[in-house]
Protein backbone atom coordinates (compact mmCIF):
# COMPACT_ATOMS: atom_id res chain seq x y z
CA MET A 1 -10.57 1.48 -25.43
CA SER A 2 -7.73 -0.86 -24.58
CA PRO A 3 -5.85 -0.51 -21.29
CA LEU A 4 -2.66 0.39 -23.22
CA ALA A 5 -4.43 3.20 -25.10
CA ALA A 6 -5.91 4.46 -21.83
CA MET A 7 -2.46 4.45 -20.22
CA GLY A 8 -1.01 6.33 -23.21
CA LEU A 9 -3.75 9.00 -22.97
CA PHE A 10 -3.16 9.27 -19.23
CA PHE A 11 0.56 10.00 -19.55
CA PHE A 12 -0.02 12.34 -22.51
CA LEU A 13 -2.39 14.50 -20.44
CA LEU A 14 -0.04 14.38 -17.47
CA VAL A 15 3.02 15.43 -19.51
CA ALA A 16 0.93 18.18 -21.13
CA GLY A 17 0.76 19.81 -17.70
CA MET A 18 -2.91 19.23 -16.96
CA PRO A 19 -3.74 19.15 -13.20
CA ILE A 20 -4.07 15.63 -11.87
CA PHE A 21 -7.78 15.93 -11.03
CA LEU A 22 -8.50 17.01 -14.63
CA VAL A 23 -6.32 14.22 -16.02
CA LEU A 24 -8.30 11.65 -14.08
CA GLY A 25 -11.65 13.28 -14.87
CA VAL A 26 -11.05 13.70 -18.62
CA LEU A 27 -9.62 10.19 -18.96
CA SER A 28 -12.60 8.71 -17.09
CA LEU A 29 -15.05 10.64 -19.27
CA VAL A 30 -13.33 9.46 -22.48
CA LEU A 31 -13.32 5.87 -21.23
CA PHE A 32 -17.03 6.02 -20.32
CA TRP A 33 -17.83 7.42 -23.77
CA ALA A 34 -15.64 4.86 -25.58
CA GLU A 35 -17.35 1.99 -23.76
CA GLY A 36 -20.74 3.25 -24.94
CA ASN A 37 -22.01 3.98 -21.42
CA PRO A 38 -24.63 6.72 -21.07
CA LEU A 39 -22.86 9.83 -19.79
CA ILE A 40 -25.66 10.43 -17.29
CA SER A 41 -24.15 7.56 -15.29
CA PHE A 42 -20.96 9.64 -14.85
CA PRO A 43 -22.39 12.20 -12.36
CA GLN A 44 -24.54 9.48 -10.81
CA LEU A 45 -21.35 7.55 -10.00
CA PHE A 46 -19.99 10.62 -8.21
CA ILE A 47 -23.15 11.05 -6.18
CA ASP A 48 -23.22 7.39 -5.16
CA HIS A 49 -19.61 7.40 -3.95
CA LEU A 50 -19.66 10.79 -2.25
CA ASN A 51 -22.85 9.98 -0.34
CA SER A 52 -20.76 8.90 2.64
CA GLN A 53 -20.81 10.17 6.19
CA THR A 54 -17.21 9.09 6.62
CA LEU A 55 -15.97 11.43 3.87
CA ILE A 56 -17.55 14.36 5.70
CA ALA A 57 -14.73 14.01 8.24
CA ILE A 58 -12.15 15.21 5.69
CA PRO A 59 -13.10 18.94 5.55
CA PHE A 60 -13.30 19.09 9.35
CA PHE A 61 -9.83 17.59 9.82
CA VAL A 62 -8.46 19.96 7.16
CA MET A 63 -10.04 22.88 9.01
CA ALA A 64 -8.59 21.71 12.33
CA ALA A 65 -5.11 21.50 10.75
CA THR A 66 -5.44 25.02 9.33
CA PHE A 67 -6.43 26.50 12.69
CA MET A 68 -3.56 24.65 14.35
CA GLN A 69 -1.09 26.03 11.84
CA ARG A 70 -2.27 29.64 12.01
CA GLY A 71 -3.68 29.86 15.51
CA GLY A 72 -0.63 29.25 17.67
CA ILE A 73 -1.26 25.59 18.49
CA ALA A 74 1.66 24.37 16.37
CA LYS A 75 4.00 26.85 18.09
CA ALA A 76 2.83 25.68 21.53
CA LEU A 77 3.61 22.07 20.54
CA VAL A 78 7.07 23.09 19.30
CA ASP A 79 7.83 24.95 22.54
CA CYS A 80 6.67 21.97 24.60
CA ALA A 81 8.83 19.57 22.58
CA TYR A 82 11.80 21.91 22.98
CA SER A 83 11.41 21.84 26.75
CA TRP A 84 12.01 18.08 26.70
CA VAL A 85 14.55 17.40 23.93
CA GLY A 86 15.86 20.84 22.90
CA GLY A 87 18.94 20.51 25.11
CA MET A 88 20.18 17.42 23.27
CA ARG A 89 22.64 17.57 20.39
CA GLY A 90 20.64 18.30 17.27
CA GLY A 91 17.78 19.15 19.60
CA LEU A 92 15.86 21.30 17.11
CA ALA A 93 15.60 18.37 14.69
CA LEU A 94 14.32 16.16 17.51
CA VAL A 95 11.88 18.93 18.47
CA CYS A 96 10.59 18.83 14.90
CA LEU A 97 10.09 15.07 15.04
CA LEU A 98 8.39 15.10 18.45
CA ALA A 99 6.11 18.07 17.70
CA THR A 100 5.23 16.64 14.30
CA THR A 101 4.20 13.34 15.87
CA VAL A 102 1.72 15.12 18.15
CA PHE A 103 0.57 17.47 15.38
CA ALA A 104 -0.06 14.44 13.17
CA ALA A 105 -2.30 12.97 15.86
CA ILE A 106 -4.66 15.92 15.36
CA SER A 107 -4.48 17.07 11.75
CA GLY A 108 -4.53 13.87 9.66
CA SER A 109 -2.74 15.71 6.83
CA SER A 110 0.89 15.30 5.83
CA VAL A 111 1.06 18.52 3.81
CA ALA A 112 -0.46 20.60 6.62
CA THR A 113 1.97 19.04 9.10
CA ALA A 114 5.01 19.73 6.90
CA MET A 115 3.85 23.29 6.21
CA ALA A 116 3.25 24.15 9.87
CA MET A 117 6.50 22.66 11.15
CA GLY A 118 8.55 23.92 8.21
CA THR A 119 7.43 27.50 8.74
CA LEU A 120 8.39 27.39 12.42
CA LEU A 121 11.46 25.18 12.56
CA VAL A 122 13.46 25.39 9.33
CA PRO A 123 14.46 29.06 9.93
CA ALA A 124 15.32 28.19 13.54
CA MET A 125 17.54 25.29 12.45
CA LEU A 126 19.27 27.37 9.79
CA ALA A 127 19.96 30.08 12.38
CA LYS A 128 21.76 27.44 14.47
CA ASN A 129 23.95 26.46 11.47
CA TYR A 130 22.10 23.28 10.56
CA GLU A 131 22.68 22.34 6.93
CA GLN A 132 19.77 23.39 4.75
CA HIS A 133 19.29 19.97 3.18
CA PHE A 134 19.12 18.31 6.61
CA ALA A 135 16.72 20.90 8.06
CA THR A 136 14.28 20.62 5.16
CA GLY A 137 14.69 16.85 4.96
CA VAL A 138 13.79 16.37 8.63
CA VAL A 139 10.62 18.45 8.28
CA GLY A 140 9.58 16.86 4.99
CA ALA A 141 10.09 13.31 6.22
CA SER A 142 8.56 13.91 9.65
CA GLY A 143 5.54 15.47 7.97
CA THR A 144 4.64 12.13 6.41
CA LEU A 145 3.65 10.91 9.87
CA GLY A 146 0.48 12.94 9.33
CA ILE A 147 -1.05 10.19 7.20
CA LEU A 148 0.10 7.21 9.30
CA ILE A 149 -0.48 8.24 12.91
CA PRO A 150 -4.25 8.54 13.52
CA PRO A 151 -6.36 10.32 12.50
CA SER A 152 -5.39 9.89 8.85
CA LEU A 153 -7.19 11.32 5.82
CA VAL A 154 -5.66 8.57 3.66
CA MET A 155 -7.11 5.85 5.89
CA ILE A 156 -10.53 7.55 5.87
CA VAL A 157 -10.58 7.39 2.06
CA TYR A 158 -9.35 3.78 2.14
CA ALA A 159 -12.11 2.89 4.60
CA VAL A 160 -14.75 4.28 2.23
CA ILE A 161 -13.48 2.13 -0.65
CA VAL A 162 -13.00 -1.09 1.31
CA GLU A 163 -15.92 -0.53 3.72
CA GLU A 164 -13.69 -1.20 6.71
CA SER A 165 -13.91 0.21 10.23
CA VAL A 166 -12.13 3.58 10.45
CA PRO A 167 -11.29 3.15 14.18
CA GLN A 168 -9.63 -0.19 13.44
CA LEU A 169 -7.62 1.33 10.61
CA PHE A 170 -6.54 4.18 12.89
CA LEU A 171 -5.35 1.68 15.50
CA ALA A 172 -3.42 -0.25 12.85
CA GLY A 173 -1.32 2.83 12.13
CA VAL A 174 -0.25 3.50 15.72
CA ILE A 175 2.62 0.99 16.13
CA PRO A 176 4.06 1.51 12.61
CA GLY A 177 3.81 5.29 13.12
CA LEU A 178 5.64 5.19 16.44
CA LEU A 179 8.21 2.80 14.95
CA GLN A 180 8.80 5.22 12.09
CA ALA A 181 9.24 8.12 14.51
CA THR A 182 11.73 6.03 16.54
CA LEU A 183 13.79 5.11 13.48
CA PHE A 184 13.84 8.74 12.37
CA GLY A 185 14.94 9.81 15.86
CA MET A 186 17.82 7.34 15.85
CA TRP A 187 19.07 8.65 12.51
CA ILE A 188 18.71 12.29 13.63
CA MET A 189 20.75 11.68 16.78
CA TYR A 190 23.45 9.82 14.83
CA TYR A 191 23.70 12.51 12.14
CA ALA A 192 23.64 15.38 14.66
CA ARG A 193 26.53 13.85 16.59
CA ARG A 194 28.42 13.16 13.37
CA ARG A 195 28.01 16.78 12.15
CA ASN A 196 28.48 18.20 15.66
CA TYR A 197 25.24 20.17 15.62
CA PRO A 198 24.77 22.45 18.64
CA ARG A 199 22.78 21.71 21.75
CA GLY A 200 19.94 24.04 22.65
CA GLU A 201 19.86 26.09 25.83
CA PRO A 202 18.32 23.98 28.62
CA MET A 203 15.25 25.41 30.33
CA SER A 204 14.98 26.05 34.02
CA ARG A 205 12.48 23.95 35.94
CA SER A 206 10.06 26.86 36.32
CA GLU A 207 10.24 27.64 32.59
CA LEU A 208 9.72 23.98 31.70
CA ILE A 209 6.61 23.83 33.89
CA ARG A 210 5.27 27.09 32.42
CA VAL A 211 5.79 25.95 28.81
CA ASN A 212 4.16 22.57 29.41
CA ILE A 213 1.15 24.10 31.15
CA HIS A 214 0.81 26.55 28.26
CA ALA A 215 0.85 23.61 25.80
CA LEU A 216 -1.71 21.58 27.75
CA PRO A 217 -4.77 22.60 25.64
CA ALA A 218 -2.88 21.68 22.46
CA MET A 219 -1.80 18.35 23.96
CA MET A 220 -5.38 17.60 24.95
CA LEU A 221 -6.65 17.77 21.36
CA PRO A 222 -5.48 14.25 20.32
CA VAL A 223 -6.81 12.91 23.64
CA ILE A 224 -10.22 14.44 22.91
CA ILE A 225 -10.29 13.18 19.31
CA LEU A 226 -9.03 9.62 19.77
CA GLY A 227 -10.52 9.24 23.24
CA GLY A 228 -13.92 10.23 21.90
CA ILE A 229 -13.68 7.72 19.04
CA TYR A 230 -12.52 4.72 21.07
CA SER A 231 -14.81 5.40 24.00
CA GLY A 232 -17.74 5.25 21.60
CA ILE A 233 -18.93 8.74 22.57
CA VAL A 234 -18.51 10.10 19.02
CA THR A 235 -18.11 8.73 15.52
CA VAL A 236 -15.07 9.56 13.39
CA THR A 237 -17.01 12.26 11.56
CA GLU A 238 -18.26 13.77 14.82
CA ALA A 239 -14.73 13.63 16.23
CA ALA A 240 -13.49 15.57 13.19
CA GLY A 241 -16.13 18.23 13.83
CA VAL A 242 -15.12 18.41 17.49
CA ALA A 243 -11.46 18.73 16.45
CA ALA A 244 -12.23 21.63 14.12
CA PHE A 245 -14.33 23.45 16.72
CA ALA A 246 -11.83 22.81 19.52
CA ALA A 247 -8.87 23.97 17.39
CA MET A 248 -10.77 27.16 16.49
CA PHE A 249 -11.81 27.81 20.10
CA ILE A 250 -8.32 27.22 21.53
CA SER A 251 -6.70 29.35 18.81
CA LEU A 252 -9.09 32.24 19.45
CA ILE A 253 -9.50 32.17 23.22
CA TYR A 254 -6.34 30.62 24.66
CA TYR A 255 -3.43 31.11 22.25
CA ARG A 256 -4.95 34.12 20.48
CA GLY A 257 -2.99 33.28 17.37
CA CYS A 258 -5.87 34.40 15.17
CA THR A 259 -8.77 36.83 15.44
CA LEU A 260 -12.46 36.66 14.64
CA GLN A 261 -11.80 38.67 11.48
CA GLU A 262 -9.38 35.97 10.23
CA ILE A 263 -11.84 33.09 10.63
CA PRO A 264 -13.53 33.58 7.21
CA SER A 265 -10.15 33.48 5.42
CA ILE A 266 -9.04 30.40 7.39
CA MET A 267 -12.29 28.60 6.58
CA ALA A 268 -12.05 29.64 2.93
CA HIS A 269 -8.51 28.23 2.76
CA SER A 270 -9.75 24.98 4.32
CA ILE A 271 -12.60 24.78 1.80
CA ARG A 272 -10.20 25.29 -1.12
CA MET A 273 -7.94 22.52 0.15
CA THR A 274 -10.93 20.23 0.66
CA GLY A 275 -12.19 21.02 -2.84
CA VAL A 276 -8.89 19.94 -4.36
CA ILE A 277 -9.03 16.68 -2.39
CA PHE A 278 -12.60 15.94 -3.44
CA PHE A 279 -11.95 16.68 -7.13
CA ILE A 280 -9.07 14.20 -7.05
CA ILE A 281 -11.33 11.67 -5.32
CA LEU A 282 -14.04 12.14 -7.97
CA GLY A 283 -11.71 11.63 -10.92
CA ALA A 284 -9.92 8.67 -9.36
CA LEU A 285 -13.19 7.01 -8.32
CA ALA A 286 -14.49 7.22 -11.88
CA LEU A 287 -11.25 5.78 -13.27
CA GLY A 288 -11.23 3.04 -10.63
CA HIS A 289 -14.83 2.17 -11.55
CA TRP A 290 -13.82 1.79 -15.21
CA ILE A 291 -10.82 -0.39 -14.27
CA THR A 292 -13.11 -2.69 -12.30
CA SER A 293 -15.92 -2.80 -14.90
CA ALA A 294 -13.42 -3.43 -17.72
CA GLY A 295 -12.46 -6.70 -16.01
CA ILE A 296 -8.86 -5.73 -15.25
CA ALA A 297 -9.30 -6.91 -11.66
CA ASP A 298 -10.56 -10.30 -12.91
CA VAL A 299 -7.55 -10.63 -15.22
CA LEU A 300 -5.25 -9.92 -12.29
CA VAL A 301 -7.02 -12.51 -10.12
CA ASP A 302 -6.62 -15.11 -12.90
CA TYR A 303 -2.94 -14.24 -13.29
CA VAL A 304 -2.24 -14.64 -9.58
CA THR A 305 -4.18 -17.93 -9.47
CA GLU A 306 -2.57 -19.43 -12.55
CA ASN A 307 0.96 -18.52 -11.46
CA ASN A 308 0.44 -19.68 -7.85
CA LEU A 309 1.78 -16.44 -6.40
CA THR A 310 2.20 -16.50 -2.64
CA ASP A 311 1.05 -13.63 -0.44
CA TRP A 312 4.59 -12.28 0.04
CA GLN A 313 5.33 -12.38 -3.71
CA PHE A 314 2.09 -10.56 -4.43
CA LEU A 315 2.74 -7.90 -1.79
CA LEU A 316 6.26 -7.36 -3.11
CA LEU A 317 4.91 -6.77 -6.63
CA VAL A 318 2.20 -4.43 -5.34
CA ASN A 319 4.76 -2.43 -3.33
CA ILE A 320 6.90 -1.95 -6.44
CA LEU A 321 3.84 -0.87 -8.42
CA MET A 322 2.75 1.66 -5.79
CA LEU A 323 6.28 3.05 -5.43
CA VAL A 324 6.40 3.71 -9.18
CA LEU A 325 2.88 5.16 -9.35
CA GLY A 326 3.59 7.30 -6.29
CA MET A 327 6.37 9.07 -8.18
CA PHE A 328 3.90 10.39 -10.76
CA LEU A 329 0.48 10.55 -9.09
CA GLU A 330 -1.07 12.25 -6.08
CA THR A 331 -1.45 9.90 -3.10
CA LEU A 332 -5.27 9.74 -3.10
CA ALA A 333 -5.27 9.01 -6.83
CA VAL A 334 -2.94 6.03 -6.33
CA ILE A 335 -5.18 4.62 -3.60
CA LEU A 336 -8.44 5.11 -5.48
CA ILE A 337 -7.05 3.56 -8.66
CA THR A 338 -5.19 0.56 -7.23
CA VAL A 339 -7.27 -0.54 -4.23
CA PRO A 340 -10.41 -1.54 -6.19
CA VAL A 341 -8.19 -3.70 -8.43
CA VAL A 342 -6.27 -5.34 -5.60
CA LEU A 343 -9.18 -5.79 -3.19
CA PRO A 344 -10.58 -9.03 -4.76
CA LEU A 345 -7.15 -10.66 -4.31
CA LEU A 346 -6.71 -10.01 -0.60
CA GLU A 347 -9.10 -12.66 0.74
CA PRO A 348 -7.87 -15.52 -1.54
CA LEU A 349 -4.31 -14.76 -0.47
CA GLY A 350 -5.22 -14.47 3.22
CA ILE A 351 -4.20 -10.81 3.48
CA SER A 352 -6.13 -8.68 5.95
CA PRO A 353 -7.55 -5.46 4.45
CA ILE A 354 -6.47 -3.69 7.66
CA HIS A 355 -2.88 -4.91 7.25
CA TYR A 356 -2.98 -3.88 3.59
CA ALA A 357 -4.17 -0.40 4.57
CA VAL A 358 -0.94 0.21 6.49
CA ILE A 359 1.14 -1.07 3.55
CA VAL A 360 -0.71 1.35 1.27
CA THR A 361 -0.25 4.24 3.72
CA VAL A 362 3.51 3.74 4.08
CA ASN A 363 3.77 3.64 0.29
CA MET A 364 1.87 6.91 0.14
CA GLU A 365 4.27 8.41 2.69
CA LEU A 366 7.07 7.53 0.30
CA ALA A 367 5.10 9.06 -2.57
CA LEU A 368 5.09 12.38 -0.72
CA LEU A 369 8.91 12.36 -0.73
CA THR A 370 9.80 10.91 -4.14
CA PRO A 371 10.23 13.16 -7.19
CA PRO A 372 9.00 14.27 -9.62
CA ILE A 373 5.58 14.73 -7.92
CA GLY A 374 6.52 14.40 -4.20
CA LEU A 375 4.22 17.00 -2.64
CA ASN A 376 6.17 17.53 0.60
CA LEU A 377 9.27 18.38 -1.41
CA TYR A 378 7.50 21.25 -3.16
CA VAL A 379 5.82 22.45 0.05
CA LEU A 380 9.20 22.71 1.81
CA SER A 381 10.81 24.31 -1.23
CA SER A 382 8.09 26.96 -1.47
CA ILE A 383 8.02 27.94 2.22
CA THR A 384 11.80 27.93 2.76
CA GLY A 385 13.12 29.08 -0.62
CA ALA A 386 15.38 26.02 -0.83
CA ARG A 387 16.00 24.44 -4.22
CA ILE A 388 14.00 21.29 -4.85
CA GLU A 389 17.29 19.39 -5.32
CA THR A 390 18.39 20.46 -1.83
CA VAL A 391 15.15 19.24 -0.22
CA THR A 392 15.35 15.98 -2.17
CA ARG A 393 18.92 15.40 -0.99
CA GLY A 394 17.78 15.94 2.60
CA VAL A 395 14.99 13.34 2.48
CA VAL A 396 17.09 10.57 0.87
CA PRO A 397 18.24 8.98 4.21
CA PHE A 398 14.66 9.10 5.50
CA VAL A 399 13.34 7.49 2.32
CA LEU A 400 15.80 4.62 2.83
CA ILE A 401 14.61 4.27 6.44
CA MET A 402 11.00 4.22 5.25
CA LEU A 403 11.80 1.49 2.73
CA VAL A 404 13.04 -0.59 5.66
CA LEU A 405 9.83 0.26 7.53
CA LEU A 406 7.78 -0.73 4.46
CA MET A 407 9.41 -4.16 4.38
CA MET A 408 8.76 -4.56 8.11
CA VAL A 409 5.05 -3.70 7.94
CA THR A 410 4.65 -5.78 4.78
CA PHE A 411 6.15 -8.98 6.09
CA ILE A 412 5.37 -8.63 9.82
CA PRO A 413 1.56 -8.23 9.80
CA GLU A 414 1.45 -8.22 13.61
CA LEU A 415 2.86 -4.68 13.62
CA SER A 416 -0.40 -3.52 12.05
CA LEU A 417 -2.86 -6.05 13.43
CA PHE A 418 -1.83 -6.30 17.10
CA LEU A 419 -3.77 -3.30 18.40
CA PRO A 420 -6.95 -3.86 16.32
CA GLN A 421 -7.04 -7.50 17.44
CA LEU A 422 -6.34 -6.51 21.05
CA VAL A 423 -9.14 -3.94 21.15
CA TYR A 424 -11.71 -5.51 18.83
CA GLY A 425 -10.75 -9.18 19.15
CA LYS A 426 -10.50 -9.82 15.42
């Protein structure tokens, strides 16, 4: 089957309303059959790719995020953030950004981050007369930090494909993630002053101390996770397991946000979310395998070589491609389809796979906010009751800021490579 016919079938199934994991799976199966490959190789491909210790980290991080959302940890982080920035103009929006940054350093999931913070903070902002589009936009955009600031589920999947070091990829996301949070904070403060949003009630010193002590176990979670990884005490997968257990223990014993009777339902919810992720991975891996075996990657290499494209020209084209694909596909699908094609071109062009990982991740952040598929938009719409057009309007300024960030991380590799080179010397 020709690539054009495959693309036509892909969009037909997508427009027909078929779930993305089925679109990818059915298309891959048809392509395998059309190429005359034995269908027994189809499940064998799944087994080969899923036989990875690194991928085992995903369900544990999802479970940790679920316990954080339901067990009182997210609320403790919000209260702690409020004690520091709640008294500023537009303080609740800054609280959202600050709490989300810490939450992201534990959960690894953008959707879980947006859901947890949206449930807590959007009603609070609306009660203080924040505009609905701004309140939902802040939460939706801040939630994308979940896949850039380590740990990141997106970077774990990328590491499996490229066979790169997960700790190095996590480090590469730190500076861009903090830069993104800073740029968002600057816009929030400007807009809050422009719209004259109210200041929060300042806390007394004793209340501030009490709230921060109460949040200490929650604040220790990212220290335990990342400290364990970079000290060499645990692997990424083991750190994910520790995160899940610690989040469950703290939720049950300290914050008492959930009970023993609720644990089965929380774990079942985590398993369902993980199942969706893995089905998408399976379908996209099969499609990516066909793209590679069909020689599309080789054609692309020849095109770049023959036209003497420079690294910056190539990266600009790839960014445009991922921005377009991100409007129609789930983030993991975009990564699993495009990375195997692009990977052979990185070394000839002198592009570090670690640098490229951050470029991909920022693109996937944008994909979470761009219609018609932008997942964070629908999450915020469903939990707040806001129209999807309202949420989309709210994220537009943040999308523009992230496009600036994308250009910065694309053409200033040091933003991504400084920390990995500092720690690992390469």
